Amino acid sequence: MFGPQVPTMPVTEITDETYLLDVREDDEWAAGHAPQAHHLPMMELPARLAEVPDDREVAVICRSGGRSAQVVAYLVRHGWDQARNVAGGMGDWAAAGRPVVGTDGQPGRVL
């Protein structure tokens, strides 16, 4: 869909050292996200680009992989060589048994 210029990685390759960037909307984030993720809605990225580290691997995640692929393409165009799209998004994250929490700290769900 986006061609080979968008590098991807499976959920299973995300480690504690990976900067996990969740680009979903506020309501999706509130319902459930990975505990170590950093929230930056896709539409706010251009204004908040400086918040994304460029010195380590950045895994970008959304619900299913479409929005995050667009964000990775944007980051790569702007010099982020270590940006990766998380294949399957939060759906695959939850299916792999990885933790999902809501903003209240309780177990969350993927919208």
PDB file of N, CA and C in Angstrom:
ATOM      1  N   MET A   1       0.836  -1.199   0.000  1.00  0.00           N
ATOM      2  CA  MET A   1       0.000   0.000   0.000  1.00  0.00           C
ATOM      3  C   MET A   1       0.869   1.246   0.000  1.00  0.00           C
ATOM      4  N   PHE A   2       1.926   1.288   0.815  1.00  0.00           N
ATOM      5  CA  PHE A   2       2.791   2.456   0.855  1.00  0.00           C
ATOM      6  C   PHE A   2       4.144   2.179   0.215  1.00  0.00           C
ATOM      7  N   GLY A   3       4.352   0.949  -0.239  1.00  0.00           N
ATOM      8  CA  GLY A   3       5.593   0.602  -0.904  1.00  0.00           C
ATOM      9  C   GLY A   3       6.709   0.305   0.079  1.00  0.00           C
ATOM     10  N   PRO A   4       7.859  -0.009  -0.462  1.00  0.00           N
ATOM     11  CA  PRO A   4       8.983  -0.452   0.368  1.00  0.00           C
ATOM     12  C   PRO A   4       9.634   0.665   1.184  1.00  0.00           C
ATOM     13  N   GLN A   5       9.240   1.911   0.959  1.00  0.00           N
ATOM     14  CA  GLN A   5       9.894   2.994   1.694  1.00  0.00           C
ATOM     15  C   GLN A   5       9.422   3.096   3.141  1.00  0.00           C
ATOM     16  N   VAL A   6       8.429   2.314   3.527  1.00  0.00           N
ATOM     17  CA  VAL A   6       7.946   2.346   4.906  1.00  0.00           C
ATOM     18  C   VAL A   6       8.402   1.074   5.619  1.00  0.00           C
ATOM     19  N   PRO A   7       9.492   1.167   6.406  1.00  0.00           N
ATOM     20  CA  PRO A   7       9.965  -0.016   7.121  1.00  0.00           C
ATOM     21  C   PRO A   7       8.995  -0.418   8.227  1.00  0.00           C
ATOM     22  N   THR A   8       8.801  -1.707   8.388  1.00  0.00           N
ATOM     23  CA  THR A   8       7.875  -2.193   9.406  1.00  0.00           C
ATOM     24  C   THR A   8       8.589  -3.145  10.357  1.00  0.00           C
ATOM     25  N   MET A   9       7.945  -3.374  11.485  1.00  0.00           N
ATOM     26  CA  MET A   9       8.437  -4.350  12.452  1.00  0.00           C
ATOM     27  C   MET A   9       7.244  -5.004  13.121  1.00  0.00           C
ATOM     28  N   PRO A  10       7.372  -6.288  13.462  1.00  0.00           N
ATOM     29  CA  PRO A  10       6.282  -6.948  14.176  1.00  0.00           C
ATOM     30  C   PRO A  10       6.274  -6.545  15.651  1.00  0.00           C
ATOM     31  N   VAL A  11       5.119  -6.684  16.268  1.00  0.00           N
ATOM     32  CA  VAL A  11       4.957  -6.388  17.691  1.00  0.00           C
ATOM     33  C   VAL A  11       6.018  -7.103  18.529  1.00  0.00           C
ATOM     34  N   THR A  12       6.348  -8.322  18.142  1.00  0.00           N
ATOM     35  CA  THR A  12       7.271  -9.144  18.921  1.00  0.00           C
ATOM     36  C   THR A  12       8.686  -8.573  18.994  1.00  0.00           C
ATOM     37  N   GLU A  13       9.045  -7.647  18.093  1.00  0.00           N
ATOM     38  CA  GLU A  13      10.393  -7.071  18.107  1.00  0.00           C
ATOM     39  C   GLU A  13      10.501  -5.803  18.961  1.00  0.00           C
ATOM     40  N   ILE A  14       9.391  -5.343  19.515  1.00  0.00           N
ATOM     41  CA  ILE A  14       9.417  -4.126  20.335  1.00  0.00           C
ATOM     42  C   ILE A  14       9.953  -4.476  21.719  1.00  0.00           C
ATOM     43  N   THR A  15      11.000  -3.768  22.136  1.00  0.00           N
ATOM     44  CA  THR A  15      11.616  -4.013  23.439  1.00  0.00           C
ATOM     45  C   THR A  15      11.413  -2.784  24.332  1.00  0.00           C
ATOM     46  N   ASP A  16      11.902  -2.886  25.562  1.00  0.00           N
ATOM     47  CA  ASP A  16      11.802  -1.753  26.486  1.00  0.00           C
ATOM     48  C   ASP A  16      12.619  -0.558  26.014  1.00  0.00           C
ATOM     49  N   GLU A  17      13.631  -0.811  25.164  1.00  0.00           N
ATOM     50  CA  GLU A  17      14.467   0.281  24.661  1.00  0.00           C
ATOM     51  C   GLU A  17      13.825   1.000  23.480  1.00  0.00           C
ATOM     52  N   THR A  18      12.826   0.382  22.881  1.00  0.00           N
ATOM     53  CA  THR A  18      12.156   0.985  21.720  1.00  0.00           C
ATOM     54  C   THR A  18      11.276   2.141  22.179  1.00  0.00           C
ATOM     55  N   TYR A  19      11.357   3.273  21.466  1.00  0.00           N
ATOM     56  CA  TYR A  19      10.457   4.396  21.732  1.00  0.00           C
ATOM     57  C   TYR A  19       9.167   4.090  20.986  1.00  0.00           C
ATOM     58  N   LEU A  20       8.104   3.777  21.719  1.00  0.00           N
ATOM     59  CA  LEU A  20       6.825   3.408  21.117  1.00  0.00           C
ATOM     60  C   LEU A  20       5.943   4.646  21.022  1.00  0.00           C
ATOM     61  N   LEU A  21       5.648   5.048  19.797  1.00  0.00           N
ATOM     62  CA  LEU A  21       4.883   6.264  19.536  1.00  0.00           C
ATOM     63  C   LEU A  21       3.489   5.904  19.059  1.00  0.00           C
ATOM     64  N   ASP A  22       2.479   6.226  19.863  1.00  0.00           N
ATOM     65  CA  ASP A  22       1.080   5.931  19.544  1.00  0.00           C
ATOM     66  C   ASP A  22       0.471   7.176  18.918  1.00  0.00           C
ATOM     67  N   VAL A  23       0.038   7.060  17.653  1.00  0.00           N
ATOM     68  CA  VAL A  23      -0.457   8.235  16.911  1.00  0.00           C
ATOM     69  C   VAL A  23      -1.979   8.251  16.770  1.00  0.00           C
ATOM     70  N   ARG A  24      -2.661   7.461  17.613  1.00  0.00           N
ATOM     71  CA  ARG A  24      -4.124   7.424  17.546  1.00  0.00           C
ATOM     72  C   ARG A  24      -4.734   8.659  18.212  1.00  0.00           C
ATOM     73  N   GLU A  25      -6.030   8.815  18.043  1.00  0.00           N
ATOM     74  CA  GLU A  25      -6.749   9.954  18.617  1.00  0.00           C
ATOM     75  C   GLU A  25      -6.900   9.799  20.133  1.00  0.00           C
ATOM     76  N   ASP A  26      -7.240  10.899  20.791  1.00  0.00           N
ATOM     77  CA  ASP A  26      -7.339  10.927  22.252  1.00  0.00           C
ATOM     78  C   ASP A  26      -8.281   9.865  22.825  1.00  0.00           C
ATOM     79  N   ASP A  27      -9.449   9.656  22.181  1.00  0.00           N
ATOM     80  CA  ASP A  27     -10.407   8.678  22.717  1.00  0.00           C
ATOM     81  C   ASP A  27      -9.868   7.252  22.590  1.00  0.00           C
ATOM     82  N   GLU A  28      -9.145   6.971  21.508  1.00  0.00           N
ATOM     83  CA  GLU A  28      -8.552   5.646  21.337  1.00  0.00           C
ATOM     84  C   GLU A  28      -7.470   5.411  22.389  1.00  0.00           C
ATOM     85  N   TRP A  29      -6.647   6.430  22.610  1.00  0.00           N
ATOM     86  CA  TRP A  29      -5.574   6.356  23.614  1.00  0.00           C
ATOM     87  C   TRP A  29      -6.177   6.119  24.997  1.00  0.00           C
ATOM     88  N   ALA A  30      -7.217   6.890  25.338  1.00  0.00           N
ATOM     89  CA  ALA A  30      -7.828   6.786  26.664  1.00  0.00           C
ATOM     90  C   ALA A  30      -8.406   5.391  26.906  1.00  0.00           C
ATOM     91  N   ALA A  31      -8.981   4.780  25.875  1.00  0.00           N
ATOM     92  CA  ALA A  31      -9.605   3.457  26.021  1.00  0.00           C
ATOM     93  C   ALA A  31      -8.568   2.376  26.278  1.00  0.00           C
ATOM     94  N   GLY A  32      -7.403   2.485  25.634  1.00  0.00           N
ATOM     95  CA  GLY A  32      -6.383   1.474  25.847  1.00  0.00           C
ATOM     96  C   GLY A  32      -5.149   1.695  25.012  1.00  0.00           C
ATOM     97  N   HIS A  33      -3.991   1.639  25.671  1.00  0.00           N
ATOM     98  CA  HIS A  33      -2.702   1.819  25.003  1.00  0.00           C
ATOM     99  C   HIS A  33      -1.636   0.972  25.693  1.00  0.00           C
ATOM    100  N   ALA A  34      -0.513   0.821  25.024  1.00  0.00           N
ATOM    101  CA  ALA A  34       0.616   0.112  25.621  1.00  0.00           C
ATOM    102  C   ALA A  34       1.149   0.961  26.770  1.00  0.00           C
ATOM    103  N   PRO A  35       1.447   0.356  27.922  1.00  0.00           N
ATOM    104  CA  PRO A  35       1.874   1.128  29.092  1.00  0.00           C
ATOM    105  C   PRO A  35       3.077   2.040  28.847  1.00  0.00           C
ATOM    106  N   GLN A  36       4.023   1.595  28.022  1.00  0.00           N
ATOM    107  CA  GLN A  36       5.239   2.393  27.809  1.00  0.00           C
ATOM    108  C   GLN A  36       5.134   3.346  26.616  1.00  0.00           C
ATOM    109  N   ALA A  37       3.978   3.402  25.971  1.00  0.00           N
ATOM    110  CA  ALA A  37       3.830   4.230  24.767  1.00  0.00           C
ATOM    111  C   ALA A  37       3.803   5.722  25.087  1.00  0.00           C
ATOM    112  N   HIS A  38       4.185   6.503  24.081  1.00  0.00           N
ATOM    113  CA  HIS A  38       4.121   7.959  24.141  1.00  0.00           C
ATOM    114  C   HIS A  38       3.027   8.386  23.173  1.00  0.00           C
ATOM    115  N   HIS A  39       2.102   9.229  23.639  1.00  0.00           N
ATOM    116  CA  HIS A  39       0.957   9.616  22.813  1.00  0.00           C
ATOM    117  C   HIS A  39       1.230  10.914  22.069  1.00  0.00           C
ATOM    118  N   LEU A  40       1.077  10.860  20.760  1.00  0.00           N
ATOM    119  CA  LEU A  40       1.198  12.050  19.924  1.00  0.00           C
ATOM    120  C   LEU A  40       0.265  11.842  18.729  1.00  0.00           C
ATOM    121  N   PRO A  41      -0.958  12.390  18.802  1.00  0.00           N
ATOM    122  CA  PRO A  41      -1.916  12.168  17.713  1.00  0.00           C
ATOM    123  C   PRO A  41      -1.324  12.559  16.351  1.00  0.00           C
ATOM    124  N   MET A  42      -1.639  11.774  15.344  1.00  0.00           N
ATOM    125  CA  MET A  42      -1.074  11.951  14.008  1.00  0.00           C
ATOM    126  C   MET A  42      -1.148  13.392  13.515  1.00  0.00           C
ATOM    127  N   MET A  43      -2.269  14.044  13.679  1.00  0.00           N
ATOM    128  CA  MET A  43      -2.428  15.393  13.137  1.00  0.00           C
ATOM    129  C   MET A  43      -1.579  16.434  13.870  1.00  0.00           C
ATOM    130  N   GLU A  44      -1.103  16.097  15.071  1.00  0.00           N
ATOM    131  CA  GLU A  44      -0.267  17.036  15.832  1.00  0.00           C
ATOM    132  C   GLU A  44       1.223  16.841  15.550  1.00  0.00           C
ATOM    133  N   LEU A  45       1.567  15.793  14.809  1.00  0.00           N
ATOM    134  CA  LEU A  45       2.975  15.457  14.594  1.00  0.00           C
ATOM    135  C   LEU A  45       3.809  16.608  14.025  1.00  0.00           C
ATOM    136  N   PRO A  46       3.382  17.265  12.946  1.00  0.00           N
ATOM    137  CA  PRO A  46       4.245  18.321  12.391  1.00  0.00           C
ATOM    138  C   PRO A  46       4.611  19.397  13.420  1.00  0.00           C
ATOM    139  N   ALA A  47       3.673  19.766  14.280  1.00  0.00           N
ATOM    140  CA  ALA A  47       3.926  20.813  15.277  1.00  0.00           C
ATOM    141  C   ALA A  47       4.750  20.302  16.459  1.00  0.00           C
ATOM    142  N   ARG A  48       4.755  18.983  16.673  1.00  0.00           N
ATOM    143  CA  ARG A  48       5.428  18.413  17.848  1.00  0.00           C
ATOM    144  C   ARG A  48       6.571  17.480  17.462  1.00  0.00           C
ATOM    145  N   LEU A  49       7.100  17.633  16.258  1.00  0.00           N
ATOM    146  CA  LEU A  49       8.137  16.753  15.734  1.00  0.00           C
ATOM    147  C   LEU A  49       9.352  16.663  16.648  1.00  0.00           C
ATOM    148  N   ALA A  50       9.684  17.760  17.313  1.00  0.00           N
ATOM    149  CA  ALA A  50      10.859  17.785  18.193  1.00  0.00           C
ATOM    150  C   ALA A  50      10.727  16.818  19.371  1.00  0.00           C
ATOM    151  N   GLU A  51       9.509  16.361  19.683  1.00  0.00           N
ATOM    152  CA  GLU A  51       9.299  15.427  20.786  1.00  0.00           C
ATOM    153  C   GLU A  51       9.708  13.998  20.435  1.00  0.00           C
ATOM    154  N   VAL A  52       9.875  13.718  19.151  1.00  0.00           N
ATOM    155  CA  VAL A  52      10.207  12.361  18.711  1.00  0.00           C
ATOM    156  C   VAL A  52      11.726  12.206  18.691  1.00  0.00           C
ATOM    157  N   PRO A  53      12.267  11.261  19.481  1.00  0.00           N
ATOM    158  CA  PRO A  53      13.726  11.099  19.512  1.00  0.00           C
ATOM    159  C   PRO A  53      14.259  10.613  18.169  1.00  0.00           C
ATOM    160  N   ASP A  54      15.444  11.106  17.811  1.00  0.00           N
ATOM    161  CA  ASP A  54      16.049  10.675  16.548  1.00  0.00           C
ATOM    162  C   ASP A  54      17.331   9.887  16.776  1.00  0.00           C
ATOM    163  N   ASP A  55      17.557   9.496  18.047  1.00  0.00           N
ATOM    164  CA  ASP A  55      18.794   8.787  18.386  1.00  0.00           C
ATOM    165  C   ASP A  55      18.562   7.329  18.752  1.00  0.00           C
ATOM    166  N   ARG A  56      17.356   6.814  18.536  1.00  0.00           N
ATOM    167  CA  ARG A  56      17.065   5.404  18.808  1.00  0.00           C
ATOM    168  C   ARG A  56      15.870   4.962  17.974  1.00  0.00           C
ATOM    169  N   GLU A  57      15.608   3.660  18.003  1.00  0.00           N
ATOM    170  CA  GLU A  57      14.506   3.121  17.221  1.00  0.00           C
ATOM    171  C   GLU A  57      13.159   3.669  17.706  1.00  0.00           C
ATOM    172  N   VAL A  58      12.358   4.100  16.759  1.00  0.00           N
ATOM    173  CA  VAL A  58      11.019   4.609  17.046  1.00  0.00           C
ATOM    174  C   VAL A  58      10.022   3.691  16.351  1.00  0.00           C
ATOM    175  N   ALA A  59       9.174   3.040  17.135  1.00  0.00           N
ATOM    176  CA  ALA A  59       8.128   2.187  16.586  1.00  0.00           C
ATOM    177  C   ALA A  59       6.821   2.964  16.652  1.00  0.00           C
ATOM    178  N   VAL A  60       6.182   3.165  15.508  1.00  0.00           N
ATOM    179  CA  VAL A  60       4.957   3.960  15.435  1.00  0.00           C
ATOM    180  C   VAL A  60       3.775   3.009  15.323  1.00  0.00           C
ATOM    181  N   ILE A  61       2.773   3.246  16.187  1.00  0.00           N
ATOM    182  CA  ILE A  61       1.628   2.336  16.257  1.00  0.00           C
ATOM    183  C   ILE A  61       0.321   3.111  16.192  1.00  0.00           C
ATOM    184  N   CYS A  62      -0.683   2.496  15.529  1.00  0.00           N
ATOM    185  CA  CYS A  62      -2.054   3.028  15.534  1.00  0.00           C
ATOM    186  C   CYS A  62      -2.971   1.820  15.735  1.00  0.00           C
ATOM    187  N   ARG A  63      -4.212   1.881  15.268  1.00  0.00           N
ATOM    188  CA  ARG A  63      -5.117   0.765  15.491  1.00  0.00           C
ATOM    189  C   ARG A  63      -4.730  -0.446  14.651  1.00  0.00           C
ATOM    190  N   SER A  64      -4.504  -0.223  13.335  1.00  0.00           N
ATOM    191  CA  SER A  64      -4.245  -1.370  12.462  1.00  0.00           C
ATOM    192  C   SER A  64      -3.008  -1.227  11.579  1.00  0.00           C
ATOM    193  N   GLY A  65      -2.384  -0.062  11.550  1.00  0.00           N
ATOM    194  CA  GLY A  65      -1.159   0.116  10.781  1.00  0.00           C
ATOM    195  C   GLY A  65      -1.223   1.136   9.654  1.00  0.00           C
ATOM    196  N   GLY A  66      -2.395   1.650   9.342  1.00  0.00           N
ATOM    197  CA  GLY A  66      -2.532   2.609   8.242  1.00  0.00           C
ATOM    198  C   GLY A  66      -2.012   3.994   8.581  1.00  0.00           C
ATOM    199  N   ARG A  67      -2.501   4.562   9.677  1.00  0.00           N
ATOM    200  CA  ARG A  67      -2.044   5.896  10.080  1.00  0.00           C
ATOM    201  C   ARG A  67      -0.575   5.884  10.460  1.00  0.00           C
ATOM    202  N   SER A  68      -0.165   4.827  11.167  1.00  0.00           N
ATOM    203  CA  SER A  68       1.239   4.763  11.581  1.00  0.00           C
ATOM    204  C   SER A  68       2.166   4.658  10.367  1.00  0.00           C
ATOM    205  N   ALA A  69       1.733   3.982   9.303  1.00  0.00           N
ATOM    206  CA  ALA A  69       2.546   3.906   8.085  1.00  0.00           C
ATOM    207  C   ALA A  69       2.733   5.302   7.488  1.00  0.00           C
ATOM    208  N   GLN A  70       1.681   6.113   7.516  1.00  0.00           N
ATOM    209  CA  GLN A  70       1.791   7.480   7.014  1.00  0.00           C
ATOM    210  C   GLN A  70       2.769   8.290   7.860  1.00  0.00           C
ATOM    211  N   VAL A  71       2.707   8.108   9.176  1.00  0.00           N
ATOM    212  CA  VAL A  71       3.608   8.825  10.082  1.00  0.00           C
ATOM    213  C   VAL A  71       5.056   8.385   9.859  1.00  0.00           C
ATOM    214  N   VAL A  72       5.290   7.078   9.696  1.00  0.00           N
ATOM    215  CA  VAL A  72       6.650   6.591   9.446  1.00  0.00           C
ATOM    216  C   VAL A  72       7.186   7.181   8.144  1.00  0.00           C
ATOM    217  N   ALA A  73       6.361   7.204   7.100  1.00  0.00           N
ATOM    218  CA  ALA A  73       6.791   7.785   5.827  1.00  0.00           C
ATOM    219  C   ALA A  73       7.185   9.251   6.026  1.00  0.00           C
ATOM    220  N   TYR A  74       6.397   9.975   6.813  1.00  0.00           N
ATOM    221  CA  TYR A  74       6.690  11.382   7.116  1.00  0.00           C
ATOM    222  C   TYR A  74       8.013  11.507   7.877  1.00  0.00           C
ATOM    223  N   LEU A  75       8.181  10.681   8.909  1.00  0.00           N
ATOM    224  CA  LEU A  75       9.410  10.729   9.707  1.00  0.00           C
ATOM    225  C   LEU A  75      10.641  10.404   8.856  1.00  0.00           C
ATOM    226  N   VAL A  76      10.542   9.362   8.014  1.00  0.00           N
ATOM    227  CA  VAL A  76      11.675   8.979   7.166  1.00  0.00           C
ATOM    228  C   VAL A  76      12.035  10.132   6.227  1.00  0.00           C
ATOM    229  N   ARG A  77      11.026  10.799   5.662  1.00  0.00           N
ATOM    230  CA  ARG A  77      11.285  11.951   4.782  1.00  0.00           C
ATOM    231  C   ARG A  77      11.990  13.073   5.532  1.00  0.00           C
ATOM    232  N   HIS A  78      11.794  13.131   6.854  1.00  0.00           N
ATOM    233  CA  HIS A  78      12.384  14.198   7.662  1.00  0.00           C
ATOM    234  C   HIS A  78      13.621  13.737   8.440  1.00  0.00           C
ATOM    235  N   GLY A  79      14.224  12.629   8.010  1.00  0.00           N
ATOM    236  CA  GLY A  79      15.509  12.226   8.558  1.00  0.00           C
ATOM    237  C   GLY A  79      15.511  11.188   9.669  1.00  0.00           C
ATOM    238  N   TRP A  80      14.355  10.647  10.011  1.00  0.00           N
ATOM    239  CA  TRP A  80      14.300   9.612  11.050  1.00  0.00           C
ATOM    240  C   TRP A  80      14.540   8.253  10.406  1.00  0.00           C
ATOM    241  N   ASP A  81      15.794   7.834  10.355  1.00  0.00           N
ATOM    242  CA  ASP A  81      16.140   6.570   9.701  1.00  0.00           C
ATOM    243  C   ASP A  81      15.719   5.354  10.506  1.00  0.00           C
ATOM    244  N   GLN A  82      15.475   5.523  11.802  1.00  0.00           N
ATOM    245  CA  GLN A  82      15.149   4.385  12.655  1.00  0.00           C
ATOM    246  C   GLN A  82      13.657   4.282  12.957  1.00  0.00           C
ATOM    247  N   ALA A  83      12.811   4.957  12.178  1.00  0.00           N
ATOM    248  CA  ALA A  83      11.364   4.866  12.378  1.00  0.00           C
ATOM    249  C   ALA A  83      10.834   3.595  11.731  1.00  0.00           C
ATOM    250  N   ARG A  84       9.940   2.900  12.439  1.00  0.00           N
ATOM    251  CA  ARG A  84       9.352   1.650  11.947  1.00  0.00           C
ATOM    252  C   ARG A  84       7.847   1.655  12.204  1.00  0.00           C
ATOM    253  N   ASN A  85       7.099   1.124  11.240  1.00  0.00           N
ATOM    254  CA  ASN A  85       5.664   0.964  11.407  1.00  0.00           C
ATOM    255  C   ASN A  85       5.410  -0.371  12.117  1.00  0.00           C
ATOM    256  N   VAL A  86       4.599  -0.351  13.156  1.00  0.00           N
ATOM    257  CA  VAL A  86       4.266  -1.597  13.863  1.00  0.00           C
ATOM    258  C   VAL A  86       3.185  -2.325  13.061  1.00  0.00           C
ATOM    259  N   ALA A  87       3.568  -3.434  12.463  1.00  0.00           N
ATOM    260  CA  ALA A  87       2.655  -4.220  11.636  1.00  0.00           C
ATOM    261  C   ALA A  87       1.454  -4.682  12.463  1.00  0.00           C
ATOM    262  N   GLY A  88       0.263  -4.428  11.947  1.00  0.00           N
ATOM    263  CA  GLY A  88      -0.951  -4.885  12.626  1.00  0.00           C
ATOM    264  C   GLY A  88      -1.431  -3.993  13.750  1.00  0.00           C
ATOM    265  N   GLY A  89      -0.638  -2.988  14.116  1.00  0.00           N
ATOM    266  CA  GLY A  89      -1.048  -2.003  15.103  1.00  0.00           C
ATOM    267  C   GLY A  89      -1.449  -2.569  16.459  1.00  0.00           C
ATOM    268  N   MET A  90      -2.306  -1.814  17.146  1.00  0.00           N
ATOM    269  CA  MET A  90      -2.749  -2.212  18.484  1.00  0.00           C
ATOM    270  C   MET A  90      -3.562  -3.495  18.465  1.00  0.00           C
ATOM    271  N   GLY A  91      -4.186  -3.808  17.321  1.00  0.00           N
ATOM    272  CA  GLY A  91      -4.908  -5.070  17.210  1.00  0.00           C
ATOM    273  C   GLY A  91      -3.961  -6.240  17.397  1.00  0.00           C
ATOM    274  N   ASP A  92      -2.811  -6.199  16.692  1.00  0.00           N
ATOM    275  CA  ASP A  92      -1.818  -7.258  16.835  1.00  0.00           C
ATOM    276  C   ASP A  92      -1.155  -7.202  18.212  1.00  0.00           C
ATOM    277  N   TRP A  93      -0.974  -5.995  18.738  1.00  0.00           N
ATOM    278  CA  TRP A  93      -0.378  -5.837  20.071  1.00  0.00           C
ATOM    279  C   TRP A  93      -1.215  -6.615  21.095  1.00  0.00           C
ATOM    280  N   ALA A  94      -2.517  -6.353  21.105  1.00  0.00           N
ATOM    281  CA  ALA A  94      -3.410  -7.021  22.059  1.00  0.00           C
ATOM    282  C   ALA A  94      -3.486  -8.524  21.780  1.00  0.00           C
ATOM    283  N   ALA A  95      -3.544  -8.905  20.497  1.00  0.00           N
ATOM    284  CA  ALA A  95      -3.635 -10.320  20.129  1.00  0.00           C
ATOM    285  C   ALA A  95      -2.387 -11.093  20.562  1.00  0.00           C
ATOM    286  N   ALA A  96      -1.240 -10.389  20.632  1.00  0.00           N
ATOM    287  CA  ALA A  96       0.006 -11.029  21.048  1.00  0.00           C
ATOM    288  C   ALA A  96       0.104 -11.156  22.572  1.00  0.00           C
ATOM    289  N   GLY A  97      -0.923 -10.661  23.279  1.00  0.00           N
ATOM    290  CA  GLY A  97      -0.928 -10.757  24.733  1.00  0.00           C
ATOM    291  C   GLY A  97      -0.134  -9.664  25.424  1.00  0.00           C
ATOM    292  N   ARG A  98       0.237  -8.609  24.679  1.00  0.00           N
ATOM    293  CA  ARG A  98       0.966  -7.499  25.278  1.00  0.00           C
ATOM    294  C   ARG A  98      -0.026  -6.666  26.104  1.00  0.00           C
ATOM    295  N   PRO A  99       0.437  -5.994  27.170  1.00  0.00           N
ATOM    296  CA  PRO A  99      -0.485  -5.265  28.043  1.00  0.00           C
ATOM    297  C   PRO A  99      -1.127  -4.054  27.376  1.00  0.00           C
ATOM    298  N   VAL A 100      -2.381  -3.823  27.728  1.00  0.00           N
ATOM    299  CA  VAL A 100      -3.143  -2.661  27.262  1.00  0.00           C
ATOM    300  C   VAL A 100      -3.773  -2.029  28.500  1.00  0.00           C
ATOM    301  N   VAL A 101      -3.505  -0.731  28.717  1.00  0.00           N
ATOM    302  CA  VAL A 101      -4.075  -0.031  29.871  1.00  0.00           C
ATOM    303  C   VAL A 101      -4.844   1.207  29.414  1.00  0.00           C
ATOM    304  N   GLY A 102      -5.835   1.572  30.212  1.00  0.00           N
ATOM    305  CA  GLY A 102      -6.570   2.802  29.951  1.00  0.00           C
ATOM    306  C   GLY A 102      -5.896   3.951  30.690  1.00  0.00           C
ATOM    307  N   THR A 103      -6.331   5.170  30.449  1.00  0.00           N
ATOM    308  CA  THR A 103      -5.709   6.319  31.109  1.00  0.00           C
ATOM    309  C   THR A 103      -5.974   6.309  32.613  1.00  0.00           C
ATOM    310  N   ASP A 104      -6.962   5.509  33.058  1.00  0.00           N
ATOM    311  CA  ASP A 104      -7.243   5.403  34.487  1.00  0.00           C
ATOM    312  C   ASP A 104      -6.354   4.356  35.164  1.00  0.00           C
ATOM    313  N   GLY A 105      -5.454   3.726  34.379  1.00  0.00           N
ATOM    314  CA  GLY A 105      -4.574   2.714  34.936  1.00  0.00           C
ATOM    315  C   GLY A 105      -5.163   1.324  34.988  1.00  0.00           C
ATOM    316  N   GLN A 106      -6.426   1.211  34.631  1.00  0.00           N
ATOM    317  CA  GLN A 106      -7.110  -0.084  34.618  1.00  0.00           C
ATOM    318  C   GLN A 106      -6.859  -0.787  33.279  1.00  0.00           C
ATOM    319  N   PRO A 107      -7.103  -2.106  33.219  1.00  0.00           N
ATOM    320  CA  PRO A 107      -6.955  -2.794  31.937  1.00  0.00           C
ATOM    321  C   PRO A 107      -7.786  -2.084  30.864  1.00  0.00           C
ATOM    322  N   GLY A 108      -7.177  -1.890  29.702  1.00  0.00           N
ATOM    323  CA  GLY A 108      -7.844  -1.152  28.631  1.00  0.00           C
ATOM    324  C   GLY A 108      -8.307  -2.059  27.506  1.00  0.00           C
ATOM    325  N   ARG A 109      -8.874  -1.432  26.497  1.00  0.00           N
ATOM    326  CA  ARG A 109      -9.313  -2.146  25.298  1.00  0.00           C
ATOM    327  C   ARG A 109      -8.938  -1.317  24.080  1.00  0.00           C
ATOM    328  N   VAL A 110      -8.791  -1.996  22.951  1.00  0.00           N
ATOM    329  CA  VAL A 110      -8.417  -1.326  21.719  1.00  0.00           C
ATOM    330  C   VAL A 110      -9.685  -0.921  20.975  1.00  0.00           C
ATOM    331  N   LEU A 111      -9.805   0.373  20.705  1.00  0.00           N
ATOM    332  CA  LEU A 111     -10.954   0.858  19.927  1.00  0.00           C
ATOM    333  C   LEU A 111     -10.648   0.763  18.443  1.00  0.00           C
TER     334      LEU A 111
END
